[in-house]
Amino acid sequence: MFVFARRLHYLCRMEIKRALFKCSSQNVSQVPRDALPDFAFIGRSNVGKSSLINLLTGHGSLAKVSGTPGKTRLINHFLVDDRWYLVDLPGYGYARVSKSERGAFSKLIIDYIFNCERLHFLFVLVDSRLEPQAIDLRFIRLLGEHGVPFGIVFTKTDKLSRNQLESNVTRYRKQLLTEWEELPPLFFASSAKRTGRTEILDFIEKCLTGM
């Protein structure tokens, strides 16, 4: 059974004043070398990652939004208020790319998540409308096996009624508890309704103040 070691209570308030694109990296050796921490975002292709990043930063086009899965193919670093990096990672799953490209994405993701010491926390995005997907569960299990600190963000919550959302989240909790002794932090976001921003940013602020 996995145990999530970093449960944090967050009451802080973060207001992003500036978010700037820093660099895109094809491999871990190219990521920034300074001492600022990375807070990374990842999920299956087309889960709403770019929209969430734009919501968090208050920048409508910081991360490119596309209806075509698999557009993010590099590790993208955005410098936030000269304090931390928001990292946009390539999606996994059903991107419309070649097998060789999918393999490269997988290696890039694995190398960064497991070998990059600057990664402080990973937000795993899942579609709140769907039942627990095998690919997401495998990825989460892999994080547990390697002790990677992470939380789960349920996206597109505006597409469901409150009862539907509660039902889907309950199903997800039960599935996770078959392998985990304690659940990781859970967040709920809707880019359309602009919800979830405060909770995620306050969590990051708490992490930063505790470093």
C-alpha atoms as a PDB file:
ATOM      1  CA  MET A   1       0.000   0.000   0.000  1.00  0.00           C
ATOM      2  CA  PHE A   2       1.228   3.477  -0.845  1.00  0.00           C
ATOM      3  CA  VAL A   3       1.284   6.315   1.658  1.00  0.00           C
ATOM      4  CA  PHE A   4       1.177   9.938   0.603  1.00  0.00           C
ATOM      5  CA  ALA A   5       3.710  11.662   2.827  1.00  0.00           C
ATOM      6  CA  ARG A   6       3.026  15.327   2.137  1.00  0.00           C
ATOM      7  CA  ARG A   7      -0.432  16.312   3.267  1.00  0.00           C
ATOM      8  CA  LEU A   8      -0.532  20.072   3.682  1.00  0.00           C
ATOM      9  CA  HIS A   9      -3.289  22.336   4.989  1.00  0.00           C
ATOM     10  CA  TYR A  10      -3.336  25.574   3.072  1.00  0.00           C
ATOM     11  CA  LEU A  11      -4.761  28.861   4.225  1.00  0.00           C
ATOM     12  CA  CYS A  12      -2.393  31.204   2.394  1.00  0.00           C
ATOM     13  CA  ARG A  13      -3.269  33.475  -0.501  1.00  0.00           C
ATOM     14  CA  MET A  14      -1.279  33.695  -3.706  1.00  0.00           C
ATOM     15  CA  GLU A  15      -1.865  36.319  -6.353  1.00  0.00           C
ATOM     16  CA  ILE A  16       0.204  35.905  -9.497  1.00  0.00           C
ATOM     17  CA  LYS A  17       1.489  39.231 -10.777  1.00  0.00           C
ATOM     18  CA  ARG A  18       3.693  38.029 -13.595  1.00  0.00           C
ATOM     19  CA  ALA A  19       4.135  34.791 -15.493  1.00  0.00           C
ATOM     20  CA  LEU A  20       6.674  34.608 -18.283  1.00  0.00           C
ATOM     21  CA  PHE A  21       7.708  31.855 -20.662  1.00  0.00           C
ATOM     22  CA  LYS A  22      11.238  30.780 -19.740  1.00  0.00           C
ATOM     23  CA  CYS A  23      12.190  27.910 -22.027  1.00  0.00           C
ATOM     24  CA  SER A  24      11.224  24.685 -23.765  1.00  0.00           C
ATOM     25  CA  SER A  25      13.379  21.602 -23.188  1.00  0.00           C
ATOM     26  CA  GLN A  26      13.797  18.464 -25.247  1.00  0.00           C
ATOM     27  CA  ASN A  27      15.520  16.688 -22.362  1.00  0.00           C
ATOM     28  CA  VAL A  28      16.163  17.147 -18.651  1.00  0.00           C
ATOM     29  CA  SER A  29      19.658  18.557 -19.218  1.00  0.00           C
ATOM     30  CA  GLN A  30      18.094  21.668 -20.775  1.00  0.00           C
ATOM     31  CA  VAL A  31      15.776  22.689 -17.913  1.00  0.00           C
ATOM     32  CA  PRO A  32      16.653  25.828 -15.875  1.00  0.00           C
ATOM     33  CA  ARG A  33      19.583  25.439 -13.500  1.00  0.00           C
ATOM     34  CA  ASP A  34      18.609  27.938 -10.821  1.00  0.00           C
ATOM     35  CA  ALA A  35      17.349  27.036  -7.335  1.00  0.00           C
ATOM     36  CA  LEU A  36      13.665  27.845  -7.884  1.00  0.00           C
ATOM     37  CA  PRO A  37      11.225  24.911  -7.467  1.00  0.00           C
ATOM     38  CA  ASP A  38       9.102  23.346 -10.206  1.00  0.00           C
ATOM     39  CA  PHE A  39       5.370  22.738  -9.859  1.00  0.00           C
ATOM     40  CA  ALA A  40       4.447  20.617 -12.851  1.00  0.00           C
ATOM     41  CA  PHE A  41       1.158  19.757 -14.553  1.00  0.00           C
ATOM     42  CA  ILE A  42       0.488  16.589 -16.504  1.00  0.00           C
ATOM     43  CA  GLY A  43      -2.440  14.515 -17.735  1.00  0.00           C
ATOM     44  CA  ARG A  44      -3.865  12.575 -20.623  1.00  0.00           C
ATOM     45  CA  SER A  45      -4.035  14.380 -23.932  1.00  0.00           C
ATOM     46  CA  ASN A  46      -6.904  16.876 -24.175  1.00  0.00           C
ATOM     47  CA  VAL A  47      -7.687  16.814 -20.444  1.00  0.00           C
ATOM     48  CA  GLY A  48      -7.743  20.614 -20.254  1.00  0.00           C
ATOM     49  CA  LYS A  49      -4.185  21.240 -19.082  1.00  0.00           C
ATOM     50  CA  SER A  50      -3.487  24.354 -21.145  1.00  0.00           C
ATOM     51  CA  SER A  51      -6.791  25.936 -20.154  1.00  0.00           C
ATOM     52  CA  LEU A  52      -6.041  25.290 -16.487  1.00  0.00           C
ATOM     53  CA  ILE A  53      -2.553  26.800 -16.767  1.00  0.00           C
ATOM     54  CA  ASN A  54      -4.008  29.915 -18.380  1.00  0.00           C
ATOM     55  CA  LEU A  55      -6.606  30.118 -15.610  1.00  0.00           C
ATOM     56  CA  LEU A  56      -4.004  29.809 -12.864  1.00  0.00           C
ATOM     57  CA  THR A  57      -1.726  32.468 -14.297  1.00  0.00           C
ATOM     58  CA  GLY A  58      -4.498  34.820 -15.391  1.00  0.00           C
ATOM     59  CA  HIS A  59      -2.916  34.866 -18.841  1.00  0.00           C
ATOM     60  CA  GLY A  60      -5.371  33.879 -21.547  1.00  0.00           C
ATOM     61  CA  SER A  61      -2.763  32.559 -23.958  1.00  0.00           C
ATOM     62  CA  LEU A  62       0.296  31.650 -21.883  1.00  0.00           C
ATOM     63  CA  ALA A  63      -0.169  27.961 -22.684  1.00  0.00           C
ATOM     64  CA  LYS A  64      -1.554  27.241 -26.130  1.00  0.00           C
ATOM     65  CA  VAL A  65      -5.022  25.694 -26.113  1.00  0.00           C
ATOM     66  CA  SER A  66      -5.813  23.243 -28.879  1.00  0.00           C
ATOM     67  CA  GLY A  67      -8.533  20.766 -29.714  1.00  0.00           C
ATOM     68  CA  THR A  68      -5.858  18.497 -31.148  1.00  0.00           C
ATOM     69  CA  PRO A  69      -4.366  16.120 -28.549  1.00  0.00           C
ATOM     70  CA  GLY A  70      -0.618  15.966 -28.177  1.00  0.00           C
ATOM     71  CA  LYS A  71       0.284  19.574 -28.951  1.00  0.00           C
ATOM     72  CA  THR A  72       2.613  19.930 -25.971  1.00  0.00           C
ATOM     73  CA  ARG A  73       5.711  17.959 -26.950  1.00  0.00           C
ATOM     74  CA  LEU A  74       8.394  19.577 -24.818  1.00  0.00           C
ATOM     75  CA  ILE A  75       8.936  20.480 -21.171  1.00  0.00           C
ATOM     76  CA  ASN A  76       7.760  24.093 -20.976  1.00  0.00           C
ATOM     77  CA  HIS A  77       8.879  26.264 -18.043  1.00  0.00           C
ATOM     78  CA  PHE A  78       7.031  29.445 -17.078  1.00  0.00           C
ATOM     79  CA  LEU A  79       8.616  31.684 -14.460  1.00  0.00           C
ATOM     80  CA  VAL A  80       6.039  32.932 -11.941  1.00  0.00           C
ATOM     81  CA  ASP A  81       6.814  36.111  -9.978  1.00  0.00           C
ATOM     82  CA  ASP A  82      10.502  35.145  -9.880  1.00  0.00           C
ATOM     83  CA  ARG A  83       9.610  32.623  -7.140  1.00  0.00           C
ATOM     84  CA  TRP A  84       8.748  29.351  -8.834  1.00  0.00           C
ATOM     85  CA  TYR A  85       8.255  27.627 -12.157  1.00  0.00           C
ATOM     86  CA  LEU A  86       4.986  26.376 -13.522  1.00  0.00           C
ATOM     87  CA  VAL A  87       5.900  23.432 -15.758  1.00  0.00           C
ATOM     88  CA  ASP A  88       3.716  22.253 -18.624  1.00  0.00           C
ATOM     89  CA  LEU A  89       4.563  18.617 -19.388  1.00  0.00           C
ATOM     90  CA  PRO A  90       3.622  16.643 -22.518  1.00  0.00           C
ATOM     91  CA  GLY A  91       0.368  14.742 -22.230  1.00  0.00           C
ATOM     92  CA  TYR A  92       0.268  10.981 -22.190  1.00  0.00           C
ATOM     93  CA  GLY A  93      -2.202   8.599 -23.738  1.00  0.00           C
ATOM     94  CA  TYR A  94      -4.012   9.108 -26.979  1.00  0.00           C
ATOM     95  CA  ALA A  95      -2.053  11.825 -28.762  1.00  0.00           C
ATOM     96  CA  ARG A  96      -2.208  11.612 -32.551  1.00  0.00           C
ATOM     97  CA  VAL A  97       1.500  11.130 -33.070  1.00  0.00           C
ATOM     98  CA  SER A  98       3.712   8.351 -34.301  1.00  0.00           C
ATOM     99  CA  LYS A  99       4.806   5.454 -32.097  1.00  0.00           C
ATOM    100  CA  SER A 100       8.365   6.753 -32.089  1.00  0.00           C
ATOM    101  CA  GLU A 101       7.155  10.176 -30.925  1.00  0.00           C
ATOM    102  CA  ARG A 102       5.011   8.622 -28.186  1.00  0.00           C
ATOM    103  CA  GLY A 103       8.066   6.727 -27.000  1.00  0.00           C
ATOM    104  CA  ALA A 104      10.082   9.925 -26.922  1.00  0.00           C
ATOM    105  CA  PHE A 105       7.367  11.673 -24.934  1.00  0.00           C
ATOM    106  CA  SER A 106       7.288   8.826 -22.424  1.00  0.00           C
ATOM    107  CA  LYS A 107      11.058   8.940 -21.942  1.00  0.00           C
ATOM    108  CA  LEU A 108      10.975  12.719 -21.614  1.00  0.00           C
ATOM    109  CA  ILE A 109       8.222  12.552 -18.995  1.00  0.00           C
ATOM    110  CA  ILE A 110       9.837   9.747 -17.017  1.00  0.00           C
ATOM    111  CA  ASP A 111      13.282  11.355 -17.079  1.00  0.00           C
ATOM    112  CA  TYR A 112      11.914  14.632 -15.782  1.00  0.00           C
ATOM    113  CA  ILE A 113       9.574  13.273 -13.106  1.00  0.00           C
ATOM    114  CA  PHE A 114      11.966  10.694 -11.675  1.00  0.00           C
ATOM    115  CA  ASN A 115      15.358  12.300 -12.301  1.00  0.00           C
ATOM    116  CA  CYS A 116      14.863  16.053 -12.035  1.00  0.00           C
ATOM    117  CA  GLU A 117      15.586  17.143  -8.470  1.00  0.00           C
ATOM    118  CA  ARG A 118      13.985  20.550  -8.988  1.00  0.00           C
ATOM    119  CA  LEU A 119      10.498  19.000  -9.252  1.00  0.00           C
ATOM    120  CA  HIS A 120       8.735  19.890  -6.003  1.00  0.00           C
ATOM    121  CA  PHE A 121       5.169  18.786  -6.727  1.00  0.00           C
ATOM    122  CA  LEU A 122       3.235  17.234  -9.594  1.00  0.00           C
ATOM    123  CA  PHE A 123      -0.416  17.966 -10.389  1.00  0.00           C
ATOM    124  CA  VAL A 124      -2.025  15.056 -12.254  1.00  0.00           C
ATOM    125  CA  LEU A 125      -5.085  16.122 -14.222  1.00  0.00           C
ATOM    126  CA  VAL A 126      -7.990  13.735 -14.795  1.00  0.00           C
ATOM    127  CA  ASP A 127     -11.295  14.316 -16.567  1.00  0.00           C
ATOM    128  CA  SER A 128     -14.029  14.482 -13.925  1.00  0.00           C
ATOM    129  CA  ARG A 129     -16.619  13.215 -16.417  1.00  0.00           C
ATOM    130  CA  LEU A 130     -14.978   9.820 -16.814  1.00  0.00           C
ATOM    131  CA  GLU A 131     -14.694   6.760 -14.618  1.00  0.00           C
ATOM    132  CA  PRO A 132     -11.141   6.035 -13.419  1.00  0.00           C
ATOM    133  CA  GLN A 133      -9.063   5.412 -16.521  1.00  0.00           C
ATOM    134  CA  ALA A 134      -6.554   2.567 -16.518  1.00  0.00           C
ATOM    135  CA  ILE A 135      -3.785   4.757 -17.959  1.00  0.00           C
ATOM    136  CA  ASP A 136      -4.246   7.371 -15.206  1.00  0.00           C
ATOM    137  CA  LEU A 137      -4.277   4.717 -12.493  1.00  0.00           C
ATOM    138  CA  ARG A 138      -1.096   3.144 -13.863  1.00  0.00           C
ATOM    139  CA  PHE A 139       0.613   6.507 -13.927  1.00  0.00           C
ATOM    140  CA  ILE A 140      -0.493   7.317 -10.368  1.00  0.00           C
ATOM    141  CA  ARG A 141       0.717   3.907  -9.209  1.00  0.00           C
ATOM    142  CA  LEU A 142       4.090   4.617 -10.796  1.00  0.00           C
ATOM    143  CA  LEU A 143       4.329   7.892  -8.879  1.00  0.00           C
ATOM    144  CA  GLY A 144       3.621   6.028  -5.645  1.00  0.00           C
ATOM    145  CA  GLU A 145       6.276   3.438  -6.368  1.00  0.00           C
ATOM    146  CA  HIS A 146       8.863   6.181  -6.850  1.00  0.00           C
ATOM    147  CA  GLY A 147       7.712   8.420  -3.996  1.00  0.00           C
ATOM    148  CA  VAL A 148       6.855  11.408  -6.207  1.00  0.00           C
ATOM    149  CA  PRO A 149       4.743  14.016  -4.331  1.00  0.00           C
ATOM    150  CA  PHE A 150       1.578  14.676  -6.294  1.00  0.00           C
ATOM    151  CA  GLY A 151      -2.052  15.719  -6.180  1.00  0.00           C
ATOM    152  CA  ILE A 152      -4.996  15.021  -8.468  1.00  0.00           C
ATOM    153  CA  VAL A 153      -6.929  17.772 -10.258  1.00  0.00           C
ATOM    154  CA  PHE A 154     -10.393  16.877 -11.526  1.00  0.00           C
ATOM    155  CA  THR A 155     -10.955  19.035 -14.619  1.00  0.00           C
ATOM    156  CA  LYS A 156     -14.061  20.089 -16.567  1.00  0.00           C
ATOM    157  CA  THR A 157     -16.249  19.952 -13.452  1.00  0.00           C
ATOM    158  CA  ASP A 158     -18.686  22.409 -15.057  1.00  0.00           C
ATOM    159  CA  LYS A 159     -19.795  19.627 -17.398  1.00  0.00           C
ATOM    160  CA  LEU A 160     -21.404  17.712 -14.508  1.00  0.00           C
ATOM    161  CA  SER A 161     -24.142  18.317 -11.980  1.00  0.00           C
ATOM    162  CA  ARG A 162     -23.072  18.424  -8.355  1.00  0.00           C
ATOM    163  CA  ASN A 163     -24.475  14.932  -7.749  1.00  0.00           C
ATOM    164  CA  GLN A 164     -22.732  13.535 -10.817  1.00  0.00           C
ATOM    165  CA  LEU A 165     -19.426  15.046  -9.746  1.00  0.00           C
ATOM    166  CA  GLU A 166     -19.741  13.691  -6.204  1.00  0.00           C
ATOM    167  CA  SER A 167     -20.588  10.254  -7.563  1.00  0.00           C
ATOM    168  CA  ASN A 168     -17.622  10.206  -9.940  1.00  0.00           C
ATOM    169  CA  VAL A 169     -15.202  11.461  -7.297  1.00  0.00           C
ATOM    170  CA  THR A 170     -16.463   8.875  -4.801  1.00  0.00           C
ATOM    171  CA  ARG A 171     -15.824   6.159  -7.371  1.00  0.00           C
ATOM    172  CA  TYR A 172     -12.309   7.503  -7.886  1.00  0.00           C
ATOM    173  CA  ARG A 173     -11.625   7.647  -4.144  1.00  0.00           C
ATOM    174  CA  LYS A 174     -12.726   4.034  -3.701  1.00  0.00           C
ATOM    175  CA  GLN A 175     -10.529   2.916  -6.583  1.00  0.00           C
ATOM    176  CA  LEU A 176      -7.479   4.702  -5.190  1.00  0.00           C
ATOM    177  CA  LEU A 177      -8.027   3.366  -1.687  1.00  0.00           C
ATOM    178  CA  THR A 178      -7.617  -0.175  -2.983  1.00  0.00           C
ATOM    179  CA  GLU A 179      -3.895   0.656  -3.290  1.00  0.00           C
ATOM    180  CA  TRP A 180      -3.332   3.725  -1.137  1.00  0.00           C
ATOM    181  CA  GLU A 181      -3.550   3.999   2.639  1.00  0.00           C
ATOM    182  CA  GLU A 182      -4.156   7.742   2.355  1.00  0.00           C
ATOM    183  CA  LEU A 183      -5.365   9.799  -0.567  1.00  0.00           C
ATOM    184  CA  PRO A 184      -3.235  12.553  -2.115  1.00  0.00           C
ATOM    185  CA  PRO A 185      -4.631  16.111  -2.174  1.00  0.00           C
ATOM    186  CA  LEU A 186      -7.636  16.433  -4.488  1.00  0.00           C
ATOM    187  CA  PHE A 187      -8.543  19.595  -6.390  1.00  0.00           C
ATOM    188  CA  PHE A 188     -11.571  20.455  -8.532  1.00  0.00           C
ATOM    189  CA  ALA A 189     -11.307  22.849 -11.439  1.00  0.00           C
ATOM    190  CA  SER A 190     -13.337  24.344 -14.238  1.00  0.00           C
ATOM    191  CA  SER A 191     -11.659  26.724 -16.661  1.00  0.00           C
ATOM    192  CA  ALA A 192     -15.072  27.722 -18.003  1.00  0.00           C
ATOM    193  CA  LYS A 193     -16.366  28.736 -14.558  1.00  0.00           C
ATOM    194  CA  ARG A 194     -12.916  29.796 -13.308  1.00  0.00           C
ATOM    195  CA  THR A 195     -13.066  27.553 -10.251  1.00  0.00           C
ATOM    196  CA  GLY A 196     -10.229  25.700  -8.550  1.00  0.00           C
ATOM    197  CA  ARG A 197      -7.688  28.461  -9.110  1.00  0.00           C
ATOM    198  CA  THR A 198      -7.623  29.695  -5.506  1.00  0.00           C
ATOM    199  CA  GLU A 199      -7.247  26.218  -4.009  1.00  0.00           C
ATOM    200  CA  ILE A 200      -4.381  25.190  -6.281  1.00  0.00           C
ATOM    201  CA  LEU A 201      -2.466  28.461  -5.936  1.00  0.00           C
ATOM    202  CA  ASP A 202      -2.926  28.524  -2.173  1.00  0.00           C
ATOM    203  CA  PHE A 203      -1.537  25.002  -1.994  1.00  0.00           C
ATOM    204  CA  ILE A 204       1.509  26.092  -3.971  1.00  0.00           C
ATOM    205  CA  GLU A 205       1.935  29.116  -1.690  1.00  0.00           C
ATOM    206  CA  LYS A 206       1.884  26.845   1.358  1.00  0.00           C
ATOM    207  CA  CYS A 207       4.523  24.637  -0.231  1.00  0.00           C
ATOM    208  CA  LEU A 208       6.717  27.646  -0.958  1.00  0.00           C
ATOM    209  CA  THR A 209       6.443  29.094   2.531  1.00  0.00           C
ATOM    210  CA  GLY A 210       7.261  25.688   4.030  1.00  0.00           C
ATOM    211  CA  MET A 211      10.471  25.236   2.027  1.00  0.00           C
END
